[in-house]
Amino acid sequence: MSPSRRTIAIVGAGFIGTPIARALLDSTYDPKIIILTRPESSGKSLPGIDISSIPTVPVDFTNVAAVTKVFKDHHVDIVVSTVNDTGIAIAQYRLADAAKASGTVKLFVPSEWGMPTEGAKAHGEENSFAAKDQFAKYLKSIELPFTRIYTGLFFGFIQWILGADVNGKANILGQGEAKFSATSEADIGGFTAHILTALPLDSPHLVNQSLRVEGDRVSLHDLARIYEKPVVHVREGEQIPGNTEWEKTIKTALQVEVEAGRASCGWNRATGKDEGTAGSANKLWEGHIWNKVQKP
């Protein structure tokens, strides 16, 4: 039996929210979709992805009463959060409180969309991974069902982390042979849309689960070969080239995660090892052929 038509609220329509919205528009289950944006947001879509037909609701994400009213008025069943790391600290907690208070929301998809964070808090980390892990614990404490989705690195960023945009080379920190998970934005959107429309909302595959998808499994040296970039090994203590200090810091931090093996979707931050579960959730999108990293 096909599930009843659902209403899905996407919070934010940026780099990952937009492909999720587009995939939901293309879904055969025809869900109702709304996009929550901050009042000051410009509301621009990503190039090449048209989501202009989706109603946009400007609302202050930190105003629990206002967001609760939006969820109630639209009878929202699922909330998909794509807020950035800054938003996780405050806004996402308020969104969860509103979802719980609404009485309509049956599932909350927190902003993960990257490397596994499960176990970070227990491991004593004090970073964005721990903040995401702590938020999942909050969802459990208020008894709001949730689904965490780990995707590895986005295709749109993996050439960028090499610093190739600065000097045309594959700048690699460490050996560069550790394999990591990478998934295309289109596949992330398609997978998310599929599981949120095709599966029952009380499915054991969704409720309080961490889903680990993987489109491709590559190393930094693999990327150098694929993109045909000469390799430059960056010395320990130095940074990956970037156009700003922030870019250098982020690129370097991501490569540190890759070199340590933590960018594999099979990684468990609590045990400190890869448990071989990367791509274990791919089977939920039966018959789909996942994109592979290739030269543009």
Foldseek 3Di string as FASTA:
>chain_A
DFDQAAEEEEEDQPDQNQLLLQLLCVDPLNHQYEYEYAPPDPPDHDPPGDNPVHHYDHDDLQPLVGLLVVCQVRLHAEYEYQDDLVCLVGSVVSNLSSLLVNVRHQEYEYHDAAFALAQVVVQPDDDSSNSVNVVLVVCVVSPRWYEYEYAFAELVCLVVLLLCVPPVAREAEPPQFFKAFYAYSNVSSNVVSCCVRGPPSPDPCTGSYYHAAGLEIGTSVRVCVQQVHHYDYDYPPDFRDDPDPVSRVVSRVSNVCRVQNRSHNQAHNNVSDRPPCHRVRVCVVPPDRGDDRHHD
